PDB file of N, CA and C in Angstrom:
ATOM      1  N   MET A   1      16.215  -3.022  26.253  1.00  0.00           N
ATOM      2  CA  MET A   1      15.068  -3.513  25.407  1.00  0.00           C
ATOM      3  C   MET A   1      14.149  -3.979  26.277  1.00  0.00           C
ATOM      4  N   ALA A   2      12.819  -3.586  25.908  1.00  0.00           N
ATOM      5  CA  ALA A   2      11.171  -4.221  26.477  1.00  0.00           C
ATOM      6  C   ALA A   2      10.963  -5.065  25.286  1.00  0.00           C
ATOM      7  N   LEU A   3      10.373  -6.540  25.742  1.00  0.00           N
ATOM      8  CA  LEU A   3       9.913  -6.485  24.111  1.00  0.00           C
ATOM      9  C   LEU A   3       8.135  -7.279  24.568  1.00  0.00           C
ATOM     10  N   VAL A   4       7.178  -7.429  24.158  1.00  0.00           N
ATOM     11  CA  VAL A   4       6.119  -7.263  24.092  1.00  0.00           C
ATOM     12  C   VAL A   4       5.213  -7.820  22.551  1.00  0.00           C
ATOM     13  N   SER A   5       4.304  -8.948  23.368  1.00  0.00           N
ATOM     14  CA  SER A   5       3.915  -9.560  22.318  1.00  0.00           C
ATOM     15  C   SER A   5       2.193  -9.825  22.296  1.00  0.00           C
ATOM     16  N   GLY A   6       1.859  -9.787  21.434  1.00  0.00           N
ATOM     17  CA  GLY A   6      -0.138 -10.749  21.437  1.00  0.00           C
ATOM     18  C   GLY A   6      -0.430 -10.920  20.280  1.00  0.00           C
ATOM     19  N   ARG A   7      -1.076 -11.434  19.994  1.00  0.00           N
ATOM     20  CA  ARG A   7      -2.458 -11.998  18.991  1.00  0.00           C
ATOM     21  C   ARG A   7      -4.196 -11.369  19.118  1.00  0.00           C
ATOM     22  N   GLN A   8      -4.320 -10.795  18.049  1.00  0.00           N
ATOM     23  CA  GLN A   8      -5.314 -10.321  18.485  1.00  0.00           C
ATOM     24  C   GLN A   8      -6.602 -10.505  17.055  1.00  0.00           C
ATOM     25  N   THR A   9      -7.892 -10.086  17.410  1.00  0.00           N
ATOM     26  CA  THR A   9      -8.751 -10.753  16.047  1.00  0.00           C
ATOM     27  C   THR A   9      -9.137  -9.268  15.721  1.00  0.00           C
ATOM     28  N   ILE A  10      -8.890  -9.009  14.155  1.00  0.00           N
ATOM     29  CA  ILE A  10      -9.963  -7.853  13.432  1.00  0.00           C
ATOM     30  C   ILE A  10     -10.254  -8.039  13.273  1.00  0.00           C
ATOM     31  N   GLY A  11     -11.882  -7.428  12.046  1.00  0.00           N
ATOM     32  CA  GLY A  11     -12.518  -7.746  10.762  1.00  0.00           C
ATOM     33  C   GLY A  11     -12.567  -6.841  10.236  1.00  0.00           C
ATOM     34  N   THR A  12     -14.227  -6.580   9.688  1.00  0.00           N
ATOM     35  CA  THR A  12     -14.061  -5.614   8.619  1.00  0.00           C
ATOM     36  C   THR A  12     -14.055  -3.943   8.851  1.00  0.00           C
ATOM     37  N   ALA A  13     -14.254  -3.484   9.904  1.00  0.00           N
ATOM     38  CA  ALA A  13     -13.921  -2.279  10.894  1.00  0.00           C
ATOM     39  C   ALA A  13     -12.278  -2.090  11.259  1.00  0.00           C
ATOM     40  N   ALA A  14     -11.915  -1.004  11.186  1.00  0.00           N
ATOM     41  CA  ALA A  14     -10.568  -0.752  11.197  1.00  0.00           C
ATOM     42  C   ALA A  14     -10.599  -0.781  12.790  1.00  0.00           C
ATOM     43  N   THR A  15      -9.408  -1.846  13.279  1.00  0.00           N
ATOM     44  CA  THR A  15      -9.306  -2.167  14.550  1.00  0.00           C
ATOM     45  C   THR A  15      -7.719  -1.610  14.984  1.00  0.00           C
ATOM     46  N   ALA A  16      -7.676  -0.840  16.259  1.00  0.00           N
ATOM     47  CA  ALA A  16      -6.669  -0.479  16.484  1.00  0.00           C
ATOM     48  C   ALA A  16      -5.590  -1.867  16.713  1.00  0.00           C
ATOM     49  N   VAL A  17      -4.317  -1.764  16.427  1.00  0.00           N
ATOM     50  CA  VAL A  17      -3.346  -2.908  16.463  1.00  0.00           C
ATOM     51  C   VAL A  17      -3.127  -2.757  17.842  1.00  0.00           C
ATOM     52  N   GLU A  18      -3.227  -3.452  18.773  1.00  0.00           N
ATOM     53  CA  GLU A  18      -2.705  -3.095  20.622  1.00  0.00           C
ATOM     54  C   GLU A  18      -0.558  -2.875  19.983  1.00  0.00           C
ATOM     55  N   GLY A  19      -0.411  -2.507  20.931  1.00  0.00           N
ATOM     56  CA  GLY A  19       1.009  -2.139  21.116  1.00  0.00           C
ATOM     57  C   GLY A  19       1.744  -0.761  20.642  1.00  0.00           C
ATOM     58  N   THR A  20       1.049   0.374  21.509  1.00  0.00           N
ATOM     59  CA  THR A  20       1.611   1.360  21.107  1.00  0.00           C
ATOM     60  C   THR A  20       2.444   1.826  22.079  1.00  0.00           C
ATOM     61  N   SER A  21       2.948   3.021  22.300  1.00  0.00           N
ATOM     62  CA  SER A  21       4.109   3.103  23.755  1.00  0.00           C
ATOM     63  C   SER A  21       4.352   4.401  23.944  1.00  0.00           C
ATOM     64  N   ASN A  22       4.803   4.884  24.778  1.00  0.00           N
ATOM     65  CA  ASN A  22       5.289   6.235  25.370  1.00  0.00           C
ATOM     66  C   ASN A  22       6.442   6.717  24.730  1.00  0.00           C
ATOM     67  N   GLN A  23       7.357   5.809  23.788  1.00  0.00           N
ATOM     68  CA  GLN A  23       8.591   5.820  23.469  1.00  0.00           C
ATOM     69  C   GLN A  23       8.490   5.461  22.066  1.00  0.00           C
ATOM     70  N   PRO A  24       9.718   6.121  21.243  1.00  0.00           N
ATOM     71  CA  PRO A  24       9.828   5.327  20.050  1.00  0.00           C
ATOM     72  C   PRO A  24       9.888   3.870  20.068  1.00  0.00           C
ATOM     73  N   PHE A  25       9.030   3.079  18.884  1.00  0.00           N
ATOM     74  CA  PHE A  25       9.279   1.470  19.310  1.00  0.00           C
ATOM     75  C   PHE A  25       9.412   1.318  17.842  1.00  0.00           C
ATOM     76  N   THR A  26       9.524   0.085  17.446  1.00  0.00           N
ATOM     77  CA  THR A  26       9.238  -0.859  15.923  1.00  0.00           C
ATOM     78  C   THR A  26       8.367  -1.948  16.379  1.00  0.00           C
ATOM     79  N   LEU A  27       7.477  -2.122  15.308  1.00  0.00           N
ATOM     80  CA  LEU A  27       5.978  -2.809  15.562  1.00  0.00           C
ATOM     81  C   LEU A  27       6.081  -3.792  14.504  1.00  0.00           C
ATOM     82  N   ILE A  28       6.262  -5.014  14.467  1.00  0.00           N
ATOM     83  CA  ILE A  28       5.813  -5.727  13.457  1.00  0.00           C
ATOM     84  C   ILE A  28       4.599  -6.688  13.770  1.00  0.00           C
ATOM     85  N   ILE A  29       4.231  -6.411  12.578  1.00  0.00           N
ATOM     86  CA  ILE A  29       2.438  -7.017  12.492  1.00  0.00           C
ATOM     87  C   ILE A  29       2.891  -8.411  11.553  1.00  0.00           C
ATOM     88  N   HIS A  30       2.300  -9.093  11.930  1.00  0.00           N
ATOM     89  CA  HIS A  30       1.920 -10.855  11.359  1.00  0.00           C
ATOM     90  C   HIS A  30       0.811 -11.096  10.919  1.00  0.00           C
ATOM     91  N   ASN A  31       0.358 -11.151   9.488  1.00  0.00           N
ATOM     92  CA  ASN A  31      -0.900 -11.661   9.336  1.00  0.00           C
ATOM     93  C   ASN A  31      -1.100 -13.262   9.298  1.00  0.00           C
ATOM     94  N   ASP A  32      -1.735 -13.823  10.278  1.00  0.00           N
ATOM     95  CA  ASP A  32      -1.665 -14.832  10.407  1.00  0.00           C
ATOM     96  C   ASP A  32      -2.685 -15.988   9.909  1.00  0.00           C
ATOM     97  N   ASP A  33      -3.503 -15.115   8.754  1.00  0.00           N
ATOM     98  CA  ASP A  33      -4.554 -15.884   8.213  1.00  0.00           C
ATOM     99  C   ASP A  33      -4.290 -16.320   6.676  1.00  0.00           C
ATOM    100  N   ASN A  34      -4.577 -17.497   6.468  1.00  0.00           N
ATOM    101  CA  ASN A  34      -3.282 -18.168   5.089  1.00  0.00           C
ATOM    102  C   ASN A  34      -4.264 -17.716   4.000  1.00  0.00           C
ATOM    103  N   THR A  35      -5.531 -17.101   4.399  1.00  0.00           N
ATOM    104  CA  THR A  35      -6.718 -16.710   2.742  1.00  0.00           C
ATOM    105  C   THR A  35      -6.691 -15.707   2.851  1.00  0.00           C
ATOM    106  N   ALA A  36      -6.721 -14.784   3.755  1.00  0.00           N
ATOM    107  CA  ALA A  36      -7.148 -13.030   3.549  1.00  0.00           C
ATOM    108  C   ALA A  36      -6.342 -12.166   3.488  1.00  0.00           C
ATOM    109  N   ASP A  37      -5.733 -11.555   2.761  1.00  0.00           N
ATOM    110  CA  ASP A  37      -4.892  -9.636   3.112  1.00  0.00           C
ATOM    111  C   ASP A  37      -5.421  -9.251   4.578  1.00  0.00           C
ATOM    112  N   MET A  38      -4.510  -8.400   4.614  1.00  0.00           N
ATOM    113  CA  MET A  38      -5.294  -7.561   5.905  1.00  0.00           C
ATOM    114  C   MET A  38      -4.700  -6.476   5.594  1.00  0.00           C
ATOM    115  N   PHE A  39      -4.995  -5.168   5.913  1.00  0.00           N
ATOM    116  CA  PHE A  39      -4.824  -3.773   5.345  1.00  0.00           C
ATOM    117  C   PHE A  39      -4.453  -2.543   6.762  1.00  0.00           C
ATOM    118  N   ILE A  40      -3.341  -2.057   6.802  1.00  0.00           N
ATOM    119  CA  ILE A  40      -3.060  -1.346   7.659  1.00  0.00           C
ATOM    120  C   ILE A  40      -3.267   0.014   7.323  1.00  0.00           C
ATOM    121  N   GLY A  41      -3.373   1.006   8.510  1.00  0.00           N
ATOM    122  CA  GLY A  41      -3.105   2.451   7.874  1.00  0.00           C
ATOM    123  C   GLY A  41      -3.368   3.178   9.257  1.00  0.00           C
ATOM    124  N   GLY A  42      -4.379   3.930   9.297  1.00  0.00           N
ATOM    125  CA  GLY A  42      -4.341   4.941   9.732  1.00  0.00           C
ATOM    126  C   GLY A  42      -6.244   4.960  10.335  1.00  0.00           C
ATOM    127  N   PRO A  43      -7.001   5.765  11.765  1.00  0.00           N
ATOM    128  CA  PRO A  43      -7.851   4.870  12.033  1.00  0.00           C
ATOM    129  C   PRO A  43      -9.483   5.031  11.480  1.00  0.00           C
ATOM    130  N   THR A  44      -8.846   5.635  10.267  1.00  0.00           N
ATOM    131  CA  THR A  44     -10.200   5.191   9.114  1.00  0.00           C
ATOM    132  C   THR A  44      -9.978   4.351   7.699  1.00  0.00           C
ATOM    133  N   VAL A  45      -8.588   3.617   7.915  1.00  0.00           N
ATOM    134  CA  VAL A  45      -8.444   2.956   6.905  1.00  0.00           C
ATOM    135  C   VAL A  45      -9.618   1.862   6.177  1.00  0.00           C
ATOM    136  N   GLY A  46      -9.484   1.296   5.344  1.00  0.00           N
ATOM    137  CA  GLY A  46     -10.665   0.293   4.876  1.00  0.00           C
ATOM    138  C   GLY A  46      -9.360  -0.570   3.531  1.00  0.00           C
ATOM    139  N   THR A  47     -10.412  -1.412   3.030  1.00  0.00           N
ATOM    140  CA  THR A  47      -9.592  -2.608   2.563  1.00  0.00           C
ATOM    141  C   THR A  47      -9.640  -1.964   1.102  1.00  0.00           C
ATOM    142  N   ALA A  48     -10.179  -0.826   0.559  1.00  0.00           N
ATOM    143  CA  ALA A  48      -9.471  -0.159  -0.373  1.00  0.00           C
ATOM    144  C   ALA A  48      -8.443   0.955  -0.494  1.00  0.00           C
ATOM    145  N   THR A  49      -8.333   1.165   0.911  1.00  0.00           N
ATOM    146  CA  THR A  49      -7.309   2.463   0.696  1.00  0.00           C
ATOM    147  C   THR A  49      -5.801   2.336   1.773  1.00  0.00           C
ATOM    148  N   GLY A  50      -5.853   1.016   2.437  1.00  0.00           N
ATOM    149  CA  GLY A  50      -4.502   0.554   3.472  1.00  0.00           C
ATOM    150  C   GLY A  50      -3.767  -0.069   2.807  1.00  0.00           C
ATOM    151  N   LEU A  51      -2.971  -0.355   3.532  1.00  0.00           N
ATOM    152  CA  LEU A  51      -1.929  -0.711   2.693  1.00  0.00           C
ATOM    153  C   LEU A  51      -1.659  -2.297   3.062  1.00  0.00           C
ATOM    154  N   ALA A  52      -2.090  -3.223   1.966  1.00  0.00           N
ATOM    155  CA  ALA A  52      -1.941  -4.402   2.483  1.00  0.00           C
ATOM    156  C   ALA A  52      -0.839  -5.575   2.769  1.00  0.00           C
ATOM    157  N   VAL A  53      -1.474  -6.176   3.365  1.00  0.00           N
ATOM    158  CA  VAL A  53      -0.240  -6.971   4.347  1.00  0.00           C
ATOM    159  C   VAL A  53      -0.747  -8.195   3.868  1.00  0.00           C
ATOM    160  N   ASN A  54      -0.664  -9.164   2.879  1.00  0.00           N
ATOM    161  CA  ASN A  54      -0.267 -10.413   2.316  1.00  0.00           C
ATOM    162  C   ASN A  54      -0.851 -11.684   3.073  1.00  0.00           C
ATOM    163  N   LYS A  55      -1.430 -12.544   3.078  1.00  0.00           N
ATOM    164  CA  LYS A  55      -1.580 -13.669   4.114  1.00  0.00           C
ATOM    165  C   LYS A  55      -0.132 -14.433   4.137  1.00  0.00           C
ATOM    166  N   LEU A  56       0.012 -14.566   5.556  1.00  0.00           N
ATOM    167  CA  LEU A  56       0.946 -15.545   6.227  1.00  0.00           C
ATOM    168  C   LEU A  56       2.434 -14.599   6.236  1.00  0.00           C
ATOM    169  N   GLU A  57       2.236 -13.405   5.803  1.00  0.00           N
ATOM    170  CA  GLU A  57       3.431 -11.814   5.652  1.00  0.00           C
ATOM    171  C   GLU A  57       3.649 -11.094   6.961  1.00  0.00           C
ATOM    172  N   ASN A  58       4.486 -10.702   6.986  1.00  0.00           N
ATOM    173  CA  ASN A  58       4.687  -9.531   8.419  1.00  0.00           C
ATOM    174  C   ASN A  58       5.379  -8.008   8.123  1.00  0.00           C
ATOM    175  N   ILE A  59       5.139  -7.152   8.376  1.00  0.00           N
ATOM    176  CA  ILE A  59       5.321  -5.999   8.256  1.00  0.00           C
ATOM    177  C   ILE A  59       6.107  -5.161   9.359  1.00  0.00           C
ATOM    178  N   GLN A  60       7.354  -4.553   9.273  1.00  0.00           N
ATOM    179  CA  GLN A  60       7.872  -3.827  10.603  1.00  0.00           C
ATOM    180  C   GLN A  60       8.091  -2.299  10.251  1.00  0.00           C
ATOM    181  N   LEU A  61       7.400  -1.862  11.462  1.00  0.00           N
ATOM    182  CA  LEU A  61       7.057  -0.451  11.080  1.00  0.00           C
ATOM    183  C   LEU A  61       7.725   0.302  12.305  1.00  0.00           C
ATOM    184  N   GLU A  62       8.660   1.467  12.015  1.00  0.00           N
ATOM    185  CA  GLU A  62       9.356   1.876  12.998  1.00  0.00           C
ATOM    186  C   GLU A  62       8.570   3.636  13.563  1.00  0.00           C
ATOM    187  N   LEU A  63       7.610   3.567  14.926  1.00  0.00           N
ATOM    188  CA  LEU A  63       7.141   4.593  15.090  1.00  0.00           C
ATOM    189  C   LEU A  63       7.368   5.356  16.221  1.00  0.00           C
ATOM    190  N   LYS A  64       6.766   6.529  16.175  1.00  0.00           N
ATOM    191  CA  LYS A  64       7.140   7.506  17.221  1.00  0.00           C
ATOM    192  C   LYS A  64       6.033   6.857  18.298  1.00  0.00           C
ATOM    193  N   ALA A  65       6.464   8.127  19.332  1.00  0.00           N
ATOM    194  CA  ALA A  65       5.925   7.761  20.854  1.00  0.00           C
ATOM    195  C   ALA A  65       4.412   8.294  20.035  1.00  0.00           C
ATOM    196  N   GLY A  66       3.413   7.543  20.800  1.00  0.00           N
ATOM    197  CA  GLY A  66       2.123   7.333  20.838  1.00  0.00           C
ATOM    198  C   GLY A  66       1.463   7.049  19.542  1.00  0.00           C
ATOM    199  N   ASP A  67       2.177   6.532  18.498  1.00  0.00           N
ATOM    200  CA  ASP A  67       1.689   6.266  16.932  1.00  0.00           C
ATOM    201  C   ASP A  67       0.823   5.094  17.333  1.00  0.00           C
ATOM    202  N   GLN A  68      -0.355   5.167  16.427  1.00  0.00           N
ATOM    203  CA  GLN A  68      -1.071   4.079  16.724  1.00  0.00           C
ATOM    204  C   GLN A  68      -1.538   3.326  15.357  1.00  0.00           C
ATOM    205  N   VAL A  69      -1.473   2.089  14.793  1.00  0.00           N
ATOM    206  CA  VAL A  69      -1.428   1.451  13.773  1.00  0.00           C
ATOM    207  C   VAL A  69      -3.180   0.821  13.997  1.00  0.00           C
ATOM    208  N   TYR A  70      -3.696   1.000  12.803  1.00  0.00           N
ATOM    209  CA  TYR A  70      -4.905   0.014  12.461  1.00  0.00           C
ATOM    210  C   TYR A  70      -5.183  -0.765  11.307  1.00  0.00           C
ATOM    211  N   ALA A  71      -5.545  -2.054  11.888  1.00  0.00           N
ATOM    212  CA  ALA A  71      -6.045  -2.838  10.678  1.00  0.00           C
ATOM    213  C   ALA A  71      -7.308  -3.216  10.246  1.00  0.00           C
ATOM    214  N   VAL A  72      -7.537  -3.845   9.146  1.00  0.00           N
ATOM    215  CA  VAL A  72      -9.059  -4.304   8.968  1.00  0.00           C
ATOM    216  C   VAL A  72      -8.485  -5.096   8.214  1.00  0.00           C
ATOM    217  N   SER A  73      -9.736  -5.923   7.953  1.00  0.00           N
ATOM    218  CA  SER A  73      -9.747  -7.616   6.935  1.00  0.00           C
ATOM    219  C   SER A  73     -11.020  -7.240   5.885  1.00  0.00           C
ATOM    220  N   SER A  74     -10.956  -8.059   4.713  1.00  0.00           N
ATOM    221  CA  SER A  74     -12.646  -7.963   4.239  1.00  0.00           C
ATOM    222  C   SER A  74     -13.120  -9.700   4.590  1.00  0.00           C
ATOM    223  N   VAL A  75     -12.818  -9.778   5.766  1.00  0.00           N
ATOM    224  CA  VAL A  75     -13.210 -11.023   6.613  1.00  0.00           C
ATOM    225  C   VAL A  75     -13.439 -10.690   8.039  1.00  0.00           C
ATOM    226  N   ALA A  76     -14.719 -11.297   8.738  1.00  0.00           N
ATOM    227  CA  ALA A  76     -14.321 -11.085   9.915  1.00  0.00           C
ATOM    228  C   ALA A  76     -13.610 -12.260  10.864  1.00  0.00           C
ATOM    229  N   SER A  77     -13.379 -11.864  12.352  1.00  0.00           N
ATOM    230  CA  SER A  77     -12.594 -13.201  12.900  1.00  0.00           C
ATOM    231  C   SER A  77     -11.152 -13.421  12.632  1.00  0.00           C
ATOM    232  N   HIS A  78     -10.641 -12.563  11.892  1.00  0.00           N
ATOM    233  CA  HIS A  78      -9.430 -12.363  11.137  1.00  0.00           C
ATOM    234  C   HIS A  78      -7.838 -12.450  11.965  1.00  0.00           C
ATOM    235  N   THR A  79      -7.139 -13.397  12.606  1.00  0.00           N
ATOM    236  CA  THR A  79      -6.334 -13.042  13.144  1.00  0.00           C
ATOM    237  C   THR A  79      -5.044 -12.750  13.114  1.00  0.00           C
ATOM    238  N   ILE A  80      -4.397 -11.665  13.773  1.00  0.00           N
ATOM    239  CA  ILE A  80      -3.083 -10.963  13.371  1.00  0.00           C
ATOM    240  C   ILE A  80      -2.515 -11.556  15.022  1.00  0.00           C
ATOM    241  N   SER A  81      -0.986 -11.211  14.901  1.00  0.00           N
ATOM    242  CA  SER A  81       0.087 -11.382  15.765  1.00  0.00           C
ATOM    243  C   SER A  81       1.193  -9.790  15.760  1.00  0.00           C
ATOM    244  N   TRP A  82       1.657  -9.391  16.186  1.00  0.00           N
ATOM    245  CA  TRP A  82       1.847  -7.981  16.851  1.00  0.00           C
ATOM    246  C   TRP A  82       3.122  -8.704  17.562  1.00  0.00           C
ATOM    247  N   LEU A  83       4.321  -7.746  16.966  1.00  0.00           N
ATOM    248  CA  LEU A  83       5.557  -7.919  18.366  1.00  0.00           C
ATOM    249  C   LEU A  83       5.960  -6.520  18.506  1.00  0.00           C
ATOM    250  N   LYS A  84       6.247  -5.793  19.589  1.00  0.00           N
ATOM    251  CA  LYS A  84       6.416  -4.896  19.940  1.00  0.00           C
ATOM    252  C   LYS A  84       7.742  -4.674  20.689  1.00  0.00           C
ATOM    253  N   ILE A  85       8.979  -3.613  20.323  1.00  0.00           N
ATOM    254  CA  ILE A  85      10.363  -3.852  20.643  1.00  0.00           C
ATOM    255  C   ILE A  85      10.176  -2.021  20.929  1.00  0.00           C
ATOM    256  N   VAL A  86      11.045  -2.161  22.382  1.00  0.00           N
ATOM    257  CA  VAL A  86      11.185  -0.559  22.900  1.00  0.00           C
ATOM    258  C   VAL A  86      12.434  -0.663  23.116  1.00  0.00           C
ATOM    259  N   ASN A  87      12.933   0.360  22.811  1.00  0.00           N
ATOM    260  CA  ASN A  87      14.586   0.216  23.832  1.00  0.00           C
ATOM    261  C   ASN A  87      14.462   1.667  23.935  1.00  0.00           C
ATOM    262  N   ASP A  88      14.578   0.965  25.782  1.00  0.00           N
ATOM    263  CA  ASP A  88      14.831   1.634  26.753  1.00  0.00           C
ATOM    264  C   ASP A  88      15.989   2.749  27.060  1.00  0.00           C
TER     265      ASP A  88
END
């Protein structure tokens, strides 16, 4: 099993979340912000169309090889963290 983690800043434009893989994987995304929700979805995700991840909450996704998740916020400089788990 391989574990990779990171932090990144998202803003008001859809941003690819780091953590894709060429094998099926689990991706846990945490909203580090204590005032704003983040929204996840595909490359055209927006605050009105994405799945909300409330402030200081996380979500776990089971993804296929090559899948990519995007995140957006209603505020600039919104910090998120993620953990990718790949079963070798």
